[in-house]
Amino acid sequence: MQNVKMEGKRAIVDVRERILKGEHPRKEIMDFVKASPVGTIFEIHIPHRGEPLIAGLESLGMNVIANELEPGHFRLMAVKLNEF
């Protein structure tokens, strides 16, 4: 997946620019999460709250914390605790 920076077990995914250009990378993010090893911490940066993405991650049994870091910059945090 593009726009991923790995720092140990933390995957930092920044798709703000892609979304603002009209792209919809939800499926790509979900596929990346599913393929990642258990214990991966996901930090996903998006330009809005992203309820469909939050719901998708929660449907996999993940707890998601959403923070607005500044106007137009949200961070979703989640940890993969088991295989899907």
N, C-alpha and C. Protein backbone atom coordinates (compact mmCIF):
# COMPACT_ATOMS: atom_id res chain seq x y z
N MET A 1 0.84 -1.18 0.00
CA MET A 1 0.00 0.00 0.00
C MET A 1 0.89 1.25 0.00
N GLN A 2 0.52 2.24 -0.78
CA GLN A 2 1.25 3.50 -0.81
C GLN A 2 0.99 4.28 0.48
N ASN A 3 1.81 5.25 0.73
CA ASN A 3 1.63 6.17 1.85
C ASN A 3 1.65 5.47 3.21
N VAL A 4 2.46 4.41 3.34
CA VAL A 4 2.61 3.73 4.63
C VAL A 4 4.04 3.88 5.09
N LYS A 5 4.19 4.30 6.32
CA LYS A 5 5.50 4.40 6.95
C LYS A 5 5.48 3.45 8.15
N MET A 6 6.42 2.52 8.20
CA MET A 6 6.49 1.57 9.31
C MET A 6 7.51 2.06 10.32
N GLU A 7 7.10 2.10 11.58
CA GLU A 7 7.99 2.42 12.70
C GLU A 7 7.83 1.30 13.71
N GLY A 8 8.65 0.28 13.58
CA GLY A 8 8.49 -0.91 14.43
C GLY A 8 7.19 -1.60 14.06
N LYS A 9 6.30 -1.77 15.06
CA LYS A 9 5.01 -2.40 14.81
C LYS A 9 3.92 -1.40 14.45
N ARG A 10 4.28 -0.14 14.33
CA ARG A 10 3.30 0.90 14.02
C ARG A 10 3.31 1.20 12.52
N ALA A 11 2.12 1.10 11.91
CA ALA A 11 1.94 1.44 10.51
C ALA A 11 1.24 2.79 10.43
N ILE A 12 1.94 3.78 9.90
CA ILE A 12 1.38 5.12 9.76
C ILE A 12 0.92 5.27 8.32
N VAL A 13 -0.38 5.44 8.15
CA VAL A 13 -1.00 5.52 6.83
C VAL A 13 -1.59 6.92 6.69
N ASP A 14 -1.11 7.68 5.72
CA ASP A 14 -1.61 9.03 5.51
C ASP A 14 -2.24 9.10 4.13
N VAL A 15 -3.57 9.13 4.10
CA VAL A 15 -4.30 9.17 2.83
C VAL A 15 -5.07 10.48 2.66
N ARG A 16 -4.69 11.50 3.40
CA ARG A 16 -5.41 12.78 3.32
C ARG A 16 -5.40 13.34 1.90
N GLU A 17 -4.25 13.40 1.26
CA GLU A 17 -4.17 13.99 -0.08
C GLU A 17 -4.97 13.17 -1.09
N ARG A 18 -4.89 11.86 -0.99
CA ARG A 18 -5.63 11.01 -1.92
C ARG A 18 -7.14 11.23 -1.80
N ILE A 19 -7.61 11.31 -0.57
CA ILE A 19 -9.05 11.52 -0.35
C ILE A 19 -9.47 12.90 -0.86
N LEU A 20 -8.64 13.89 -0.59
CA LEU A 20 -8.97 15.24 -1.06
C LEU A 20 -8.97 15.34 -2.59
N LYS A 21 -8.26 14.43 -3.26
CA LYS A 21 -8.26 14.38 -4.73
C LYS A 21 -9.45 13.59 -5.27
N GLY A 22 -10.28 13.07 -4.37
CA GLY A 22 -11.47 12.33 -4.80
C GLY A 22 -11.33 10.83 -4.79
N GLU A 23 -10.19 10.32 -4.34
CA GLU A 23 -10.00 8.87 -4.27
C GLU A 23 -10.71 8.31 -3.03
N HIS A 24 -10.99 7.02 -3.08
CA HIS A 24 -11.66 6.33 -1.98
C HIS A 24 -10.84 5.09 -1.60
N PRO A 25 -9.80 5.24 -0.77
CA PRO A 25 -8.90 4.12 -0.49
C PRO A 25 -9.36 3.18 0.63
N ARG A 26 -10.65 3.21 0.99
CA ARG A 26 -11.13 2.38 2.11
C ARG A 26 -10.80 0.89 1.91
N LYS A 27 -11.12 0.34 0.73
CA LYS A 27 -10.86 -1.08 0.49
C LYS A 27 -9.36 -1.38 0.57
N GLU A 28 -8.55 -0.50 0.03
CA GLU A 28 -7.10 -0.68 0.08
C GLU A 28 -6.60 -0.69 1.53
N ILE A 29 -7.14 0.19 2.34
CA ILE A 29 -6.76 0.24 3.77
C ILE A 29 -7.21 -1.03 4.46
N MET A 30 -8.44 -1.45 4.21
CA MET A 30 -8.96 -2.67 4.85
C MET A 30 -8.14 -3.90 4.45
N ASP A 31 -7.78 -4.00 3.18
CA ASP A 31 -6.95 -5.13 2.72
C ASP A 31 -5.58 -5.10 3.41
N PHE A 32 -5.01 -3.91 3.57
CA PHE A 32 -3.72 -3.76 4.24
C PHE A 32 -3.82 -4.21 5.70
N VAL A 33 -4.89 -3.79 6.37
CA VAL A 33 -5.09 -4.18 7.77
C VAL A 33 -5.23 -5.69 7.88
N LYS A 34 -6.02 -6.29 7.02
CA LYS A 34 -6.23 -7.75 7.06
C LYS A 34 -4.93 -8.51 6.83
N ALA A 35 -4.06 -7.99 5.95
CA ALA A 35 -2.82 -8.68 5.60
C ALA A 35 -1.70 -8.44 6.61
N SER A 36 -1.86 -7.47 7.49
CA SER A 36 -0.81 -7.13 8.46
C SER A 36 -0.78 -8.13 9.61
N PRO A 37 0.37 -8.30 10.24
CA PRO A 37 0.47 -9.25 11.33
C PRO A 37 -0.25 -8.77 12.60
N VAL A 38 -0.66 -9.75 13.40
CA VAL A 38 -1.26 -9.45 14.70
C VAL A 38 -0.26 -8.62 15.50
N GLY A 39 -0.76 -7.64 16.22
CA GLY A 39 0.09 -6.76 17.01
C GLY A 39 0.42 -5.45 16.31
N THR A 40 0.03 -5.32 15.04
CA THR A 40 0.29 -4.08 14.31
C THR A 40 -0.59 -2.97 14.87
N ILE A 41 0.01 -1.83 15.09
CA ILE A 41 -0.71 -0.64 15.54
C ILE A 41 -0.91 0.24 14.30
N PHE A 42 -2.14 0.60 14.03
CA PHE A 42 -2.46 1.41 12.85
C PHE A 42 -2.74 2.84 13.27
N GLU A 43 -2.09 3.77 12.59
CA GLU A 43 -2.31 5.20 12.76
C GLU A 43 -2.68 5.71 11.36
N ILE A 44 -3.97 5.97 11.17
CA ILE A 44 -4.47 6.33 9.85
C ILE A 44 -4.88 7.80 9.86
N HIS A 45 -4.29 8.58 8.96
CA HIS A 45 -4.56 10.02 8.88
C HIS A 45 -5.49 10.28 7.70
N ILE A 46 -6.63 10.93 7.99
CA ILE A 46 -7.65 11.23 6.98
C ILE A 46 -8.14 12.67 7.18
N PRO A 47 -8.77 13.26 6.15
CA PRO A 47 -9.18 14.66 6.24
C PRO A 47 -10.53 14.89 6.92
N HIS A 48 -11.23 13.82 7.27
CA HIS A 48 -12.53 13.94 7.95
C HIS A 48 -12.67 12.75 8.89
N ARG A 49 -13.72 12.71 9.67
CA ARG A 49 -13.85 11.66 10.69
C ARG A 49 -13.84 10.24 10.10
N GLY A 50 -14.39 10.03 8.94
CA GLY A 50 -14.29 8.73 8.27
C GLY A 50 -15.12 7.63 8.90
N GLU A 51 -16.38 7.90 9.14
CA GLU A 51 -17.25 6.89 9.77
C GLU A 51 -17.29 5.56 9.02
N PRO A 52 -17.34 5.53 7.67
CA PRO A 52 -17.34 4.22 7.00
C PRO A 52 -16.07 3.41 7.28
N LEU A 53 -14.93 4.07 7.34
CA LEU A 53 -13.68 3.36 7.64
C LEU A 53 -13.68 2.89 9.09
N ILE A 54 -14.14 3.73 9.99
CA ILE A 54 -14.23 3.33 11.40
C ILE A 54 -15.13 2.11 11.53
N ALA A 55 -16.30 2.14 10.89
CA ALA A 55 -17.23 1.01 10.94
C ALA A 55 -16.60 -0.26 10.37
N GLY A 56 -15.83 -0.11 9.29
CA GLY A 56 -15.16 -1.27 8.70
C GLY A 56 -14.14 -1.89 9.63
N LEU A 57 -13.35 -1.05 10.28
CA LEU A 57 -12.37 -1.56 11.23
C LEU A 57 -13.05 -2.20 12.43
N GLU A 58 -14.12 -1.57 12.91
CA GLU A 58 -14.86 -2.14 14.04
C GLU A 58 -15.52 -3.46 13.67
N SER A 59 -15.92 -3.63 12.40
CA SER A 59 -16.53 -4.89 11.97
C SER A 59 -15.53 -6.04 12.02
N LEU A 60 -14.23 -5.69 12.04
CA LEU A 60 -13.17 -6.71 12.18
C LEU A 60 -12.86 -6.98 13.65
N GLY A 61 -13.60 -6.33 14.55
CA GLY A 61 -13.39 -6.54 15.98
C GLY A 61 -12.36 -5.61 16.59
N MET A 62 -11.98 -4.59 15.85
CA MET A 62 -10.97 -3.65 16.35
C MET A 62 -11.65 -2.47 17.05
N ASN A 63 -11.06 -2.00 18.13
CA ASN A 63 -11.50 -0.77 18.76
C ASN A 63 -10.76 0.38 18.08
N VAL A 64 -11.49 1.42 17.73
CA VAL A 64 -10.90 2.55 17.00
C VAL A 64 -11.04 3.82 17.83
N ILE A 65 -9.95 4.53 17.98
CA ILE A 65 -9.95 5.84 18.63
C ILE A 65 -9.76 6.88 17.54
N ALA A 66 -10.68 7.84 17.47
CA ALA A 66 -10.59 8.90 16.46
C ALA A 66 -10.33 10.23 17.16
N ASN A 67 -9.31 10.93 16.70
CA ASN A 67 -8.96 12.25 17.24
C ASN A 67 -8.89 13.25 16.11
N GLU A 68 -9.41 14.46 16.36
CA GLU A 68 -9.23 15.55 15.42
C GLU A 68 -7.98 16.30 15.87
N LEU A 69 -6.91 16.19 15.10
CA LEU A 69 -5.65 16.83 15.46
C LEU A 69 -5.68 18.32 15.16
N GLU A 70 -6.38 18.68 14.09
CA GLU A 70 -6.59 20.07 13.69
C GLU A 70 -7.71 20.05 12.66
N PRO A 71 -8.28 21.19 12.32
CA PRO A 71 -9.34 21.18 11.29
C PRO A 71 -8.84 20.51 10.00
N GLY A 72 -9.60 19.53 9.51
CA GLY A 72 -9.23 18.83 8.29
C GLY A 72 -8.16 17.78 8.45
N HIS A 73 -7.88 17.37 9.71
CA HIS A 73 -6.85 16.34 9.96
C HIS A 73 -7.30 15.47 11.14
N PHE A 74 -7.76 14.27 10.80
CA PHE A 74 -8.17 13.30 11.81
C PHE A 74 -7.19 12.14 11.83
N ARG A 75 -7.04 11.54 13.02
CA ARG A 75 -6.17 10.37 13.19
C ARG A 75 -7.01 9.26 13.79
N LEU A 76 -7.00 8.11 13.12
CA LEU A 76 -7.65 6.91 13.65
C LEU A 76 -6.56 6.00 14.18
N MET A 77 -6.75 5.48 15.39
CA MET A 77 -5.78 4.57 16.00
C MET A 77 -6.50 3.25 16.29
N ALA A 78 -5.85 2.13 15.95
CA ALA A 78 -6.40 0.80 16.20
C ALA A 78 -5.26 -0.20 16.25
N VAL A 79 -5.50 -1.30 16.95
CA VAL A 79 -4.49 -2.36 17.08
C VAL A 79 -5.12 -3.67 16.61
N LYS A 80 -4.39 -4.40 15.78
CA LYS A 80 -4.86 -5.71 15.33
C LYS A 80 -4.51 -6.73 16.41
N LEU A 81 -5.56 -7.27 17.04
CA LEU A 81 -5.35 -8.19 18.15
C LEU A 81 -5.49 -9.66 17.76
N ASN A 82 -6.11 -9.94 16.60
CA ASN A 82 -6.24 -11.33 16.16
C ASN A 82 -6.39 -11.38 14.64
N GLU A 83 -6.28 -12.60 14.10
CA GLU A 83 -6.43 -12.80 12.66
C GLU A 83 -7.90 -12.71 12.30
N PHE A 84 -8.16 -12.30 11.07
CA PHE A 84 -9.54 -12.17 10.60
C PHE A 84 -9.82 -13.26 9.59
